[in-house]
C-alpha cells in the first residue's frame, strides 16, 4: 500500500513540477499519499497509537503550559483578546498564579506593558476610551461617571475624581472599582463672603490600591500670597482623609497644572513658571520648596506643562501656545537641578494641549 502511494505521489509530482516551479509544492502534492501511509501505519500499530493518543489526552492540559510561555503569549494580546485569554481554564484565572511578565510586581496582569495605552473619556461622560497603537480602541461604558476626570494612572489603575467629591480607583482591563472615603469638602473648599469656592486638588498615588503601601496624595495652592498649600493624604485601610496646611514664609509656591509625581517614596509637585519643586515626604510628613529658575523663553502664561516619571527619571515638558515651541528637561535628583534634554532617544511622551 505504501508503494502504491509512493508511485501515485511521483506521478502527480511529475505532472505539476514544471507548472508549479519544482519541489516547493511537494507537501501539497503528496498530501493524499501521506494520508494513506499514515492510515496503513495506524492499522498496523493500532495498540501503540492507542496508548500514544490516550497519553496525549491525559497529559495535554492547557493549565500545564509553562508560565514562561504564558507570559510570552499575554505580551502579544490586546484588548478583548487579553480578557478572553483568562477564560481558557481555571488556573489562568487564579490570582495566586499570575503570569510572570518580567516587568514589575504590580504589572503582572497588565498586557503590553512596554507600550503605552491611551485612556480618555469620550464626549459622553460615561464612556471610557482605552486604545493601543497596535489594536482597535475599546469603548468601556461605566455608569455614574458624569462630571469626572482622570487624575492619575499607574500600573493599569486610574484614579478618578468626580466633582461631587467622590474619588475612586478604576481598572479598565478587568473593570474593577475601588472607592475611597468621601472627600472632606468642609475642610478643603475655600469659603468666601458670597459662596464656597470649589478647590480641585491635583492628585497622585504611590502604588496600586491592591498593595499594602498605597498612598493617595492631593495638593492645592494657597488662596492668598502663594506661601501656603493644602495637602490631603489617605493610606490604604484608613477610614478618612488627613488634611495638612503647609506654609513657608520664605518661599512662595504656586502650583502648576501638572499632576504630582511619586518617585522613590517622595511626591514631587511642579510649581508654575520657573520650574520650582514642592517636595513632600509622606513618611515624615515633611514639605519643602526647591527653587529652580528656567530660561525666560521657556515659560509664559500660555505654556502647558507635563510632569512625568520615565525609567527612574523625572521629566518636565513645556509646550507653548498651540504647540509652538516644546522644551524638555530632566531633573538631576542628586543636586535637584533641571538639565535641558536635546534628544528623547527611544522615549515618547503624550501631552494634551
C-alpha atoms as a PDB file:
ATOM      1  CA  UNK A   1       0.000   0.000   0.000  1.00  0.00           C
ATOM      2  CA  UNK A   2       2.855   2.337   0.832  1.00  0.00           C
ATOM      3  CA  UNK A   3       4.483   1.520  -2.522  1.00  0.00           C
ATOM      4  CA  UNK A   4       1.274   2.367  -4.389  1.00  0.00           C
ATOM      5  CA  UNK A   5       1.030   5.642  -2.529  1.00  0.00           C
ATOM      6  CA  UNK A   6       4.641   6.474  -3.407  1.00  0.00           C
ATOM      7  CA  UNK A   7       4.047   5.780  -7.134  1.00  0.00           C
ATOM      8  CA  UNK A   8       0.935   7.969  -7.042  1.00  0.00           C
ATOM      9  CA  UNK A   9       2.928  10.753  -5.416  1.00  0.00           C
ATOM     10  CA  UNK A  10       5.712  10.618  -8.032  1.00  0.00           C
ATOM     11  CA  UNK A  11       3.214  10.587 -10.896  1.00  0.00           C
ATOM     12  CA  UNK A  12       1.333  13.635  -9.594  1.00  0.00           C
ATOM     13  CA  UNK A  13       4.578  15.436  -8.808  1.00  0.00           C
ATOM     14  CA  UNK A  14       5.892  14.989 -12.372  1.00  0.00           C
ATOM     15  CA  UNK A  15       2.648  16.420 -13.740  1.00  0.00           C
ATOM     16  CA  UNK A  16       2.845  19.578 -11.620  1.00  0.00           C
ATOM     17  CA  UNK A  17       6.581  20.112 -11.252  1.00  0.00           C
ATOM     18  CA  UNK A  18       7.092  22.145 -14.409  1.00  0.00           C
ATOM     19  CA  UNK A  19       3.979  24.282 -13.950  1.00  0.00           C
ATOM     20  CA  UNK A  20       4.335  24.798 -10.203  1.00  0.00           C
ATOM     21  CA  UNK A  21       8.029  25.562 -10.060  1.00  0.00           C
ATOM     22  CA  UNK A  22       9.764  22.491  -8.683  1.00  0.00           C
ATOM     23  CA  UNK A  23       9.629  20.873  -5.298  1.00  0.00           C
ATOM     24  CA  UNK A  24       8.102  23.793  -3.352  1.00  0.00           C
ATOM     25  CA  UNK A  25       4.716  22.093  -3.673  1.00  0.00           C
ATOM     26  CA  UNK A  26       5.887  18.680  -2.528  1.00  0.00           C
ATOM     27  CA  UNK A  27       3.854  18.734   0.667  1.00  0.00           C
ATOM     28  CA  UNK A  28       0.687  19.744  -1.190  1.00  0.00           C
ATOM     29  CA  UNK A  29       1.054  17.178  -3.968  1.00  0.00           C
ATOM     30  CA  UNK A  30       1.857  14.323  -1.606  1.00  0.00           C
ATOM     31  CA  UNK A  31      -0.928  15.102   0.824  1.00  0.00           C
ATOM     32  CA  UNK A  32      -3.013  12.088  -0.212  1.00  0.00           C
ATOM     33  CA  UNK A  33      -0.007   9.793  -0.177  1.00  0.00           C
ATOM     34  CA  UNK A  34       0.995  10.752   3.342  1.00  0.00           C
ATOM     35  CA  UNK A  35      -2.590  10.300   4.469  1.00  0.00           C
ATOM     36  CA  UNK A  36      -2.759   6.738   3.111  1.00  0.00           C
ATOM     37  CA  UNK A  37       0.647   5.949   4.563  1.00  0.00           C
ATOM     38  CA  UNK A  38      -0.479   7.192   7.983  1.00  0.00           C
ATOM     39  CA  UNK A  39      -3.598   5.041   7.926  1.00  0.00           C
ATOM     40  CA  UNK A  40      -1.559   1.976   6.954  1.00  0.00           C
ATOM     41  CA  UNK A  41       0.838   2.519   9.848  1.00  0.00           C
ATOM     42  CA  UNK A  42      -2.013   3.253  12.225  1.00  0.00           C
ATOM     43  CA  UNK A  43      -3.780  -0.036  11.465  1.00  0.00           C
ATOM     44  CA  UNK A  44      -0.531  -1.981  11.703  1.00  0.00           C
ATOM     45  CA  UNK A  45       0.419  -0.389  15.035  1.00  0.00           C
ATOM     46  CA  UNK A  46      -3.065   0.036  16.457  1.00  0.00           C
ATOM     47  CA  UNK A  47      -2.137  -0.738  20.043  1.00  0.00           C
ATOM     48  CA  UNK A  48       0.877   1.576  20.054  1.00  0.00           C
ATOM     49  CA  UNK A  49      -1.089   4.508  18.612  1.00  0.00           C
ATOM     50  CA  UNK A  50      -3.953   3.990  21.056  1.00  0.00           C
ATOM     51  CA  UNK A  51      -1.571   4.243  24.000  1.00  0.00           C
ATOM     52  CA  UNK A  52       0.102   7.297  22.454  1.00  0.00           C
ATOM     53  CA  UNK A  53      -3.164   9.191  21.869  1.00  0.00           C
ATOM     54  CA  UNK A  54      -4.531   8.312  25.302  1.00  0.00           C
ATOM     55  CA  UNK A  55      -1.345   9.645  26.917  1.00  0.00           C
ATOM     56  CA  UNK A  56      -1.642  12.902  24.964  1.00  0.00           C
ATOM     57  CA  UNK A  57      -5.246  13.355  26.097  1.00  0.00           C
ATOM     58  CA  UNK A  58      -4.266  12.715  29.702  1.00  0.00           C
ATOM     59  CA  UNK A  59      -1.213  14.971  29.763  1.00  0.00           C
ATOM     60  CA  UNK A  60      -2.026  17.808  27.342  1.00  0.00           C
ATOM     61  CA  UNK A  61      -3.989  20.230  29.513  1.00  0.00           C
ATOM     62  CA  UNK A  62      -3.968  23.978  28.961  1.00  0.00           C
ATOM     63  CA  UNK A  63      -3.115  24.519  32.600  1.00  0.00           C
ATOM     64  CA  UNK A  64       0.132  22.564  32.147  1.00  0.00           C
ATOM     65  CA  UNK A  65       1.679  25.116  29.795  1.00  0.00           C
ATOM     66  CA  UNK A  66       4.872  26.639  31.258  1.00  0.00           C
ATOM     67  CA  UNK A  67       4.375  30.028  32.913  1.00  0.00           C
ATOM     68  CA  UNK A  68       7.177  31.491  30.804  1.00  0.00           C
ATOM     69  CA  UNK A  69       5.221  30.585  27.661  1.00  0.00           C
ATOM     70  CA  UNK A  70       2.018  32.069  29.078  1.00  0.00           C
ATOM     71  CA  UNK A  71       3.860  35.297  29.800  1.00  0.00           C
ATOM     72  CA  UNK A  72       5.130  35.498  26.229  1.00  0.00           C
ATOM     73  CA  UNK A  73       1.601  34.920  24.916  1.00  0.00           C
ATOM     74  CA  UNK A  74      -0.013  37.606  27.066  1.00  0.00           C
ATOM     75  CA  UNK A  75       2.562  40.162  25.976  1.00  0.00           C
ATOM     76  CA  UNK A  76       1.180  39.836  22.441  1.00  0.00           C
ATOM     77  CA  UNK A  77      -2.516  40.074  23.254  1.00  0.00           C
ATOM     78  CA  UNK A  78      -4.629  43.218  23.081  1.00  0.00           C
ATOM     79  CA  UNK A  79      -7.948  44.397  24.467  1.00  0.00           C
ATOM     80  CA  UNK A  80     -10.692  41.766  24.435  1.00  0.00           C
ATOM     81  CA  UNK A  81      -8.252  39.026  23.403  1.00  0.00           C
ATOM     82  CA  UNK A  82      -6.378  39.529  26.668  1.00  0.00           C
ATOM     83  CA  UNK A  83      -9.604  39.260  28.681  1.00  0.00           C
ATOM     84  CA  UNK A  84     -10.666  36.112  26.814  1.00  0.00           C
ATOM     85  CA  UNK A  85      -7.271  34.542  27.453  1.00  0.00           C
ATOM     86  CA  UNK A  86      -8.077  34.248  31.165  1.00  0.00           C
ATOM     87  CA  UNK A  87     -11.289  32.340  30.406  1.00  0.00           C
ATOM     88  CA  UNK A  88      -9.494  29.329  28.900  1.00  0.00           C
ATOM     89  CA  UNK A  89      -9.122  27.457  32.179  1.00  0.00           C
ATOM     90  CA  UNK A  90      -9.487  27.976  35.912  1.00  0.00           C
ATOM     91  CA  UNK A  91      -5.749  28.049  36.568  1.00  0.00           C
ATOM     92  CA  UNK A  92      -5.236  31.016  34.256  1.00  0.00           C
ATOM     93  CA  UNK A  93      -7.936  32.946  36.125  1.00  0.00           C
ATOM     94  CA  UNK A  94      -6.323  32.300  39.507  1.00  0.00           C
ATOM     95  CA  UNK A  95      -4.908  35.355  41.256  1.00  0.00           C
ATOM     96  CA  UNK A  96      -2.436  33.070  43.015  1.00  0.00           C
ATOM     97  CA  UNK A  97      -0.809  32.137  39.723  1.00  0.00           C
ATOM     98  CA  UNK A  98      -0.114  35.369  37.795  1.00  0.00           C
ATOM     99  CA  UNK A  99       1.744  35.255  34.530  1.00  0.00           C
ATOM    100  CA  UNK A 100       5.369  36.362  35.045  1.00  0.00           C
ATOM    101  CA  UNK A 101       5.730  39.181  32.525  1.00  0.00           C
ATOM    102  CA  UNK A 102       9.141  40.253  33.856  1.00  0.00           C
ATOM    103  CA  UNK A 103       8.171  43.869  34.434  1.00  0.00           C
ATOM    104  CA  UNK A 104       7.198  44.942  37.945  1.00  0.00           C
ATOM    105  CA  UNK A 105       5.322  43.320  40.849  1.00  0.00           C
ATOM    106  CA  UNK A 106       2.274  45.467  40.159  1.00  0.00           C
ATOM    107  CA  UNK A 107       2.154  44.958  36.379  1.00  0.00           C
ATOM    108  CA  UNK A 108       1.863  41.171  36.255  1.00  0.00           C
ATOM    109  CA  UNK A 109      -1.731  41.363  34.971  1.00  0.00           C
ATOM    110  CA  UNK A 110      -1.248  44.238  32.528  1.00  0.00           C
ATOM    111  CA  UNK A 111      -0.876  43.395  28.813  1.00  0.00           C
ATOM    112  CA  UNK A 112       1.621  45.135  26.551  1.00  0.00           C
ATOM    113  CA  UNK A 113       3.470  46.810  29.369  1.00  0.00           C
ATOM    114  CA  UNK A 114       6.237  48.000  27.062  1.00  0.00           C
ATOM    115  CA  UNK A 115       3.984  50.320  25.067  1.00  0.00           C
ATOM    116  CA  UNK A 116       1.501  52.933  26.325  1.00  0.00           C
ATOM    117  CA  UNK A 117      -2.261  52.682  26.482  1.00  0.00           C
ATOM    118  CA  UNK A 118      -4.151  55.919  25.835  1.00  0.00           C
ATOM    119  CA  UNK A 119      -7.131  56.320  28.164  1.00  0.00           C
ATOM    120  CA  UNK A 120      -9.584  59.213  27.994  1.00  0.00           C
ATOM    121  CA  UNK A 121     -13.273  59.996  28.289  1.00  0.00           C
ATOM    122  CA  UNK A 122     -15.367  60.324  25.158  1.00  0.00           C
ATOM    123  CA  UNK A 123     -17.806  63.198  24.691  1.00  0.00           C
ATOM    124  CA  UNK A 124     -20.282  61.060  26.589  1.00  0.00           C
ATOM    125  CA  UNK A 125     -19.126  61.230  30.200  1.00  0.00           C
ATOM    126  CA  UNK A 126     -19.894  57.568  30.879  1.00  0.00           C
ATOM    127  CA  UNK A 127     -17.790  56.161  28.006  1.00  0.00           C
ATOM    128  CA  UNK A 128     -14.095  55.450  28.553  1.00  0.00           C
ATOM    129  CA  UNK A 129     -11.844  55.005  25.520  1.00  0.00           C
ATOM    130  CA  UNK A 130      -8.938  52.588  26.043  1.00  0.00           C
ATOM    131  CA  UNK A 131      -6.767  52.388  22.945  1.00  0.00           C
ATOM    132  CA  UNK A 132      -3.460  50.811  21.985  1.00  0.00           C
ATOM    133  CA  UNK A 133      -1.340  51.706  18.942  1.00  0.00           C
ATOM    134  CA  UNK A 134      -1.443  48.117  17.661  1.00  0.00           C
ATOM    135  CA  UNK A 135      -5.143  47.364  18.037  1.00  0.00           C
ATOM    136  CA  UNK A 136      -8.537  48.962  17.760  1.00  0.00           C
ATOM    137  CA  UNK A 137      -9.889  51.157  20.525  1.00  0.00           C
ATOM    138  CA  UNK A 138     -12.051  49.625  23.215  1.00  0.00           C
ATOM    139  CA  UNK A 139     -15.021  51.654  24.452  1.00  0.00           C
ATOM    140  CA  UNK A 140     -15.998  50.859  28.025  1.00  0.00           C
ATOM    141  CA  UNK A 141     -19.324  52.107  29.335  1.00  0.00           C
ATOM    142  CA  UNK A 142     -19.301  52.951  33.034  1.00  0.00           C
ATOM    143  CA  UNK A 143     -22.390  54.200  34.810  1.00  0.00           C
ATOM    144  CA  UNK A 144     -22.234  57.185  37.122  1.00  0.00           C
ATOM    145  CA  UNK A 145     -19.224  58.951  35.610  1.00  0.00           C
ATOM    146  CA  UNK A 146     -20.730  62.332  34.848  1.00  0.00           C
ATOM    147  CA  UNK A 147     -18.504  65.311  35.699  1.00  0.00           C
ATOM    148  CA  UNK A 148     -15.449  63.098  36.108  1.00  0.00           C
ATOM    149  CA  UNK A 149     -11.822  63.413  35.150  1.00  0.00           C
ATOM    150  CA  UNK A 150      -8.816  61.089  35.210  1.00  0.00           C
ATOM    151  CA  UNK A 151      -6.270  62.494  37.659  1.00  0.00           C
ATOM    152  CA  UNK A 152      -3.518  59.909  37.539  1.00  0.00           C
ATOM    153  CA  UNK A 153      -2.695  56.420  36.252  1.00  0.00           C
ATOM    154  CA  UNK A 154      -0.245  53.758  37.328  1.00  0.00           C
ATOM    155  CA  UNK A 155       0.176  50.052  36.533  1.00  0.00           C
ATOM    156  CA  UNK A 156      -3.230  49.789  34.865  1.00  0.00           C
ATOM    157  CA  UNK A 157      -5.175  51.675  37.570  1.00  0.00           C
ATOM    158  CA  UNK A 158      -6.873  55.038  37.052  1.00  0.00           C
ATOM    159  CA  UNK A 159      -7.522  57.499  39.867  1.00  0.00           C
ATOM    160  CA  UNK A 160     -10.760  59.314  39.011  1.00  0.00           C
ATOM    161  CA  UNK A 161     -12.170  62.450  40.630  1.00  0.00           C
ATOM    162  CA  UNK A 162     -15.827  63.467  40.472  1.00  0.00           C
ATOM    163  CA  UNK A 163     -16.933  66.995  41.227  1.00  0.00           C
ATOM    164  CA  UNK A 164     -19.359  65.544  43.756  1.00  0.00           C
ATOM    165  CA  UNK A 165     -16.165  64.891  45.808  1.00  0.00           C
ATOM    166  CA  UNK A 166     -16.142  61.188  45.008  1.00  0.00           C
ATOM    167  CA  UNK A 167     -12.675  59.700  44.461  1.00  0.00           C
ATOM    168  CA  UNK A 168     -12.139  56.124  43.323  1.00  0.00           C
ATOM    169  CA  UNK A 169      -9.799  53.754  41.512  1.00  0.00           C
ATOM    170  CA  UNK A 170     -10.829  52.020  38.298  1.00  0.00           C
ATOM    171  CA  UNK A 171      -9.074  49.279  36.338  1.00  0.00           C
ATOM    172  CA  UNK A 172     -10.270  49.336  32.697  1.00  0.00           C
ATOM    173  CA  UNK A 173      -8.783  45.898  31.970  1.00  0.00           C
ATOM    174  CA  UNK A 174     -10.882  43.964  34.491  1.00  0.00           C
ATOM    175  CA  UNK A 175     -13.447  46.717  35.283  1.00  0.00           C
ATOM    176  CA  UNK A 176     -12.658  46.677  38.991  1.00  0.00           C
ATOM    177  CA  UNK A 177     -13.669  49.710  41.063  1.00  0.00           C
ATOM    178  CA  UNK A 178     -12.235  50.590  44.481  1.00  0.00           C
ATOM    179  CA  UNK A 179     -13.928  53.536  46.172  1.00  0.00           C
ATOM    180  CA  UNK A 180     -12.171  55.831  48.627  1.00  0.00           C
ATOM    181  CA  UNK A 181     -13.786  57.558  51.627  1.00  0.00           C
ATOM    182  CA  UNK A 182     -15.692  60.745  50.865  1.00  0.00           C
ATOM    183  CA  UNK A 183     -13.515  63.764  50.322  1.00  0.00           C
ATOM    184  CA  UNK A 184     -13.763  66.296  53.219  1.00  0.00           C
ATOM    185  CA  UNK A 185     -15.240  69.287  51.401  1.00  0.00           C
ATOM    186  CA  UNK A 186     -15.757  71.325  54.592  1.00  0.00           C
ATOM    187  CA  UNK A 187     -12.042  71.275  55.366  1.00  0.00           C
ATOM    188  CA  UNK A 188     -10.924  71.694  51.770  1.00  0.00           C
ATOM    189  CA  UNK A 189     -13.108  74.236  49.985  1.00  0.00           C
ATOM    190  CA  UNK A 190     -12.399  77.928  50.474  1.00  0.00           C
ATOM    191  CA  UNK A 191     -15.366  79.851  51.936  1.00  0.00           C
ATOM    192  CA  UNK A 192     -15.705  83.358  50.530  1.00  0.00           C
ATOM    193  CA  UNK A 193     -18.153  86.041  51.523  1.00  0.00           C
ATOM    194  CA  UNK A 194     -20.636  85.163  48.772  1.00  0.00           C
ATOM    195  CA  UNK A 195     -20.131  81.462  48.046  1.00  0.00           C
ATOM    196  CA  UNK A 196     -17.922  78.465  48.720  1.00  0.00           C
ATOM    197  CA  UNK A 197     -15.190  78.184  46.120  1.00  0.00           C
ATOM    198  CA  UNK A 198     -14.621  74.621  44.935  1.00  0.00           C
ATOM    199  CA  UNK A 199     -10.914  73.775  45.108  1.00  0.00           C
ATOM    200  CA  UNK A 200      -9.891  70.897  42.868  1.00  0.00           C
ATOM    201  CA  UNK A 201      -6.793  69.103  44.174  1.00  0.00           C
ATOM    202  CA  UNK A 202      -4.040  67.728  41.981  1.00  0.00           C
ATOM    203  CA  UNK A 203      -3.998  64.018  42.826  1.00  0.00           C
ATOM    204  CA  UNK A 204      -1.483  61.207  42.572  1.00  0.00           C
ATOM    205  CA  UNK A 205      -0.833  57.845  44.237  1.00  0.00           C
ATOM    206  CA  UNK A 206       2.229  55.847  45.166  1.00  0.00           C
ATOM    207  CA  UNK A 207       1.283  52.290  44.165  1.00  0.00           C
ATOM    208  CA  UNK A 208      -1.795  50.346  43.030  1.00  0.00           C
ATOM    209  CA  UNK A 209      -4.687  50.247  45.530  1.00  0.00           C
ATOM    210  CA  UNK A 210      -4.287  46.486  45.922  1.00  0.00           C
ATOM    211  CA  UNK A 211      -0.855  46.972  47.506  1.00  0.00           C
ATOM    212  CA  UNK A 212      -0.462  47.461  51.246  1.00  0.00           C
ATOM    213  CA  UNK A 213       1.700  50.583  50.868  1.00  0.00           C
ATOM    214  CA  UNK A 214      -0.711  52.540  48.661  1.00  0.00           C
ATOM    215  CA  UNK A 215      -0.843  56.264  49.489  1.00  0.00           C
ATOM    216  CA  UNK A 216      -3.130  58.760  47.743  1.00  0.00           C
ATOM    217  CA  UNK A 217      -1.818  62.328  47.758  1.00  0.00           C
ATOM    218  CA  UNK A 218      -3.561  65.561  46.843  1.00  0.00           C
ATOM    219  CA  UNK A 219      -2.442  69.184  46.867  1.00  0.00           C
ATOM    220  CA  UNK A 220      -3.889  72.601  46.051  1.00  0.00           C
ATOM    221  CA  UNK A 221      -2.336  76.044  46.029  1.00  0.00           C
ATOM    222  CA  UNK A 222      -2.984  78.793  48.516  1.00  0.00           C
ATOM    223  CA  UNK A 223      -5.690  81.385  48.201  1.00  0.00           C
ATOM    224  CA  UNK A 224      -3.636  84.401  49.290  1.00  0.00           C
ATOM    225  CA  UNK A 225       0.077  85.059  48.870  1.00  0.00           C
ATOM    226  CA  UNK A 226       1.290  81.739  47.469  1.00  0.00           C
ATOM    227  CA  UNK A 227       3.096  80.818  50.682  1.00  0.00           C
ATOM    228  CA  UNK A 228       0.620  78.155  51.850  1.00  0.00           C
ATOM    229  CA  UNK A 229      -0.575  74.898  50.346  1.00  0.00           C
ATOM    230  CA  UNK A 230      -3.218  72.385  51.378  1.00  0.00           C
ATOM    231  CA  UNK A 231      -2.225  68.716  51.374  1.00  0.00           C
ATOM    232  CA  UNK A 232      -4.566  65.744  51.710  1.00  0.00           C
ATOM    233  CA  UNK A 233      -3.400  62.199  52.414  1.00  0.00           C
ATOM    234  CA  UNK A 234      -5.080  58.827  52.758  1.00  0.00           C
ATOM    235  CA  UNK A 235      -3.424  55.429  53.118  1.00  0.00           C
ATOM    236  CA  UNK A 236      -4.858  52.025  52.427  1.00  0.00           C
ATOM    237  CA  UNK A 237      -7.043  50.905  55.314  1.00  0.00           C
ATOM    238  CA  UNK A 238      -7.715  54.405  56.654  1.00  0.00           C
ATOM    239  CA  UNK A 239     -11.324  55.486  57.077  1.00  0.00           C
ATOM    240  CA  UNK A 240     -10.869  59.195  56.349  1.00  0.00           C
ATOM    241  CA  UNK A 241      -8.601  61.738  54.696  1.00  0.00           C
ATOM    242  CA  UNK A 242      -5.991  63.715  56.620  1.00  0.00           C
ATOM    243  CA  UNK A 243      -5.679  67.422  55.776  1.00  0.00           C
ATOM    244  CA  UNK A 244      -2.467  69.398  56.318  1.00  0.00           C
ATOM    245  CA  UNK A 245      -1.831  73.113  55.858  1.00  0.00           C
ATOM    246  CA  UNK A 246       1.779  73.918  55.000  1.00  0.00           C
ATOM    247  CA  UNK A 247       3.239  77.431  54.953  1.00  0.00           C
ATOM    248  CA  UNK A 248       6.700  78.663  54.044  1.00  0.00           C
ATOM    249  CA  UNK A 249       7.273  82.295  54.976  1.00  0.00           C
ATOM    250  CA  UNK A 250      10.434  82.497  52.888  1.00  0.00           C
ATOM    251  CA  UNK A 251       9.320  80.835  49.642  1.00  0.00           C
ATOM    252  CA  UNK A 252       6.110  81.216  47.671  1.00  0.00           C
ATOM    253  CA  UNK A 253       4.805  78.251  45.694  1.00  0.00           C
ATOM    254  CA  UNK A 254       2.097  78.472  43.049  1.00  0.00           C
ATOM    255  CA  UNK A 255       1.004  75.055  41.835  1.00  0.00           C
ATOM    256  CA  UNK A 256       1.113  74.391  38.079  1.00  0.00           C
ATOM    257  CA  UNK A 257      -1.476  72.475  36.077  1.00  0.00           C
ATOM    258  CA  UNK A 258       0.674  69.312  36.158  1.00  0.00           C
ATOM    259  CA  UNK A 259      -0.190  66.427  38.458  1.00  0.00           C
ATOM    260  CA  UNK A 260       2.235  65.427  41.224  1.00  0.00           C
ATOM    261  CA  UNK A 261       4.659  62.589  40.531  1.00  0.00           C
ATOM    262  CA  UNK A 262       5.638  59.867  43.003  1.00  0.00           C
ATOM    263  CA  UNK A 263       9.258  58.731  42.939  1.00  0.00           C
ATOM    264  CA  UNK A 264      11.283  56.740  45.496  1.00  0.00           C
ATOM    265  CA  UNK A 265       8.949  57.452  48.394  1.00  0.00           C
ATOM    266  CA  UNK A 266       8.555  61.179  47.639  1.00  0.00           C
ATOM    267  CA  UNK A 267       5.770  63.182  45.966  1.00  0.00           C
ATOM    268  CA  UNK A 268       7.159  65.896  43.670  1.00  0.00           C
ATOM    269  CA  UNK A 269       4.887  68.833  42.778  1.00  0.00           C
ATOM    270  CA  UNK A 270       5.669  71.217  39.939  1.00  0.00           C
ATOM    271  CA  UNK A 271       5.360  74.933  40.533  1.00  0.00           C
ATOM    272  CA  UNK A 272       4.089  77.359  37.929  1.00  0.00           C
ATOM    273  CA  UNK A 273       6.510  79.026  35.568  1.00  0.00           C
ATOM    274  CA  UNK A 274      10.021  78.780  36.924  1.00  0.00           C
ATOM    275  CA  UNK A 275      10.336  75.023  37.425  1.00  0.00           C
ATOM    276  CA  UNK A 276      10.059  75.233  41.216  1.00  0.00           C
ATOM    277  CA  UNK A 277       9.501  71.970  43.053  1.00  0.00           C
ATOM    278  CA  UNK A 278       7.345  71.253  46.066  1.00  0.00           C
ATOM    279  CA  UNK A 279       8.623  68.082  47.732  1.00  0.00           C
ATOM    280  CA  UNK A 280       6.512  66.117  50.203  1.00  0.00           C
ATOM    281  CA  UNK A 281       7.719  63.106  52.188  1.00  0.00           C
ATOM    282  CA  UNK A 282       4.628  61.193  53.427  1.00  0.00           C
ATOM    283  CA  UNK A 283       6.667  59.064  55.827  1.00  0.00           C
ATOM    284  CA  UNK A 284       7.975  62.158  57.665  1.00  0.00           C
ATOM    285  CA  UNK A 285       5.073  64.500  56.865  1.00  0.00           C
ATOM    286  CA  UNK A 286       7.663  66.995  55.639  1.00  0.00           C
ATOM    287  CA  UNK A 287       7.128  69.709  52.990  1.00  0.00           C
ATOM    288  CA  UNK A 288       9.933  71.677  51.347  1.00  0.00           C
ATOM    289  CA  UNK A 289      10.248  74.021  48.362  1.00  0.00           C
ATOM    290  CA  UNK A 290      13.167  73.992  45.936  1.00  0.00           C
ATOM    291  CA  UNK A 291      13.561  76.957  43.568  1.00  0.00           C
ATOM    292  CA  UNK A 292      14.910  76.208  40.094  1.00  0.00           C
ATOM    293  CA  UNK A 293      14.742  79.045  37.589  1.00  0.00           C
ATOM    294  CA  UNK A 294      14.367  78.107  33.943  1.00  0.00           C
ATOM    295  CA  UNK A 295      15.191  80.294  30.907  1.00  0.00           C
ATOM    296  CA  UNK A 296      12.586  83.076  30.454  1.00  0.00           C
ATOM    297  CA  UNK A 297      11.699  81.900  26.952  1.00  0.00           C
ATOM    298  CA  UNK A 298      10.579  78.548  28.326  1.00  0.00           C
ATOM    299  CA  UNK A 299       7.650  79.700  30.400  1.00  0.00           C
ATOM    300  CA  UNK A 300       4.795  82.146  29.998  1.00  0.00           C
ATOM    301  CA  UNK A 301       1.115  82.328  30.849  1.00  0.00           C
ATOM    302  CA  UNK A 302       0.193  80.263  27.780  1.00  0.00           C
ATOM    303  CA  UNK A 303       2.568  77.376  28.500  1.00  0.00           C
ATOM    304  CA  UNK A 304       1.169  73.898  29.096  1.00  0.00           C
ATOM    305  CA  UNK A 305       3.374  71.743  31.316  1.00  0.00           C
ATOM    306  CA  UNK A 306       3.747  67.995  31.635  1.00  0.00           C
ATOM    307  CA  UNK A 307       5.488  66.410  34.625  1.00  0.00           C
ATOM    308  CA  UNK A 308       6.179  62.698  34.278  1.00  0.00           C
ATOM    309  CA  UNK A 309       8.371  59.878  35.527  1.00  0.00           C
ATOM    310  CA  UNK A 310      10.101  57.689  32.949  1.00  0.00           C
ATOM    311  CA  UNK A 311      12.658  54.947  33.605  1.00  0.00           C
ATOM    312  CA  UNK A 312      13.602  56.306  37.007  1.00  0.00           C
ATOM    313  CA  UNK A 313      13.911  59.932  35.842  1.00  0.00           C
ATOM    314  CA  UNK A 314      11.645  62.944  36.282  1.00  0.00           C
ATOM    315  CA  UNK A 315      10.960  64.831  33.053  1.00  0.00           C
ATOM    316  CA  UNK A 316       9.447  68.266  32.583  1.00  0.00           C
ATOM    317  CA  UNK A 317       7.894  69.190  29.237  1.00  0.00           C
ATOM    318  CA  UNK A 318       6.855  72.749  28.365  1.00  0.00           C
ATOM    319  CA  UNK A 319       4.566  73.149  25.380  1.00  0.00           C
ATOM    320  CA  UNK A 320       3.926  76.614  24.000  1.00  0.00           C
ATOM    321  CA  UNK A 321       0.652  78.080  22.814  1.00  0.00           C
ATOM    322  CA  UNK A 322      -0.934  75.966  20.036  1.00  0.00           C
ATOM    323  CA  UNK A 323       2.001  73.573  20.266  1.00  0.00           C
ATOM    324  CA  UNK A 324       4.556  76.165  19.175  1.00  0.00           C
ATOM    325  CA  UNK A 325       7.812  75.510  20.957  1.00  0.00           C
ATOM    326  CA  UNK A 326       8.481  72.386  23.019  1.00  0.00           C
ATOM    327  CA  UNK A 327      11.196  72.214  25.684  1.00  0.00           C
ATOM    328  CA  UNK A 328      12.141  69.102  27.651  1.00  0.00           C
ATOM    329  CA  UNK A 329      14.125  68.983  30.890  1.00  0.00           C
ATOM    330  CA  UNK A 330      15.223  66.161  33.174  1.00  0.00           C
ATOM    331  CA  UNK A 331      15.750  66.579  36.904  1.00  0.00           C
ATOM    332  CA  UNK A 332      19.160  65.735  38.317  1.00  0.00           C
ATOM    333  CA  UNK A 333      17.972  64.110  41.537  1.00  0.00           C
ATOM    334  CA  UNK A 334      21.371  64.352  43.216  1.00  0.00           C
ATOM    335  CA  UNK A 335      21.591  68.147  43.078  1.00  0.00           C
ATOM    336  CA  UNK A 336      17.944  68.951  42.167  1.00  0.00           C
ATOM    337  CA  UNK A 337      18.787  70.896  39.004  1.00  0.00           C
ATOM    338  CA  UNK A 338      16.926  70.839  35.684  1.00  0.00           C
ATOM    339  CA  UNK A 339      19.050  69.758  32.708  1.00  0.00           C
ATOM    340  CA  UNK A 340      17.971  70.526  29.159  1.00  0.00           C
ATOM    341  CA  UNK A 341      17.230  67.412  27.070  1.00  0.00           C
ATOM    342  CA  UNK A 342      18.218  67.525  23.404  1.00  0.00           C
ATOM    343  CA  UNK A 343      17.040  64.054  22.343  1.00  0.00           C
ATOM    344  CA  UNK A 344      14.454  61.663  23.797  1.00  0.00           C
ATOM    345  CA  UNK A 345      16.170  58.679  22.145  1.00  0.00           C
ATOM    346  CA  UNK A 346      13.670  55.785  22.264  1.00  0.00           C
ATOM    347  CA  UNK A 347      11.152  57.517  24.562  1.00  0.00           C
ATOM    348  CA  UNK A 348       7.856  59.159  23.668  1.00  0.00           C
ATOM    349  CA  UNK A 349       5.653  61.495  25.716  1.00  0.00           C
ATOM    350  CA  UNK A 350       1.940  62.118  25.145  1.00  0.00           C
ATOM    351  CA  UNK A 351       0.627  65.551  26.110  1.00  0.00           C
ATOM    352  CA  UNK A 352      -2.709  67.260  25.564  1.00  0.00           C
ATOM    353  CA  UNK A 353      -2.513  70.889  24.557  1.00  0.00           C
END
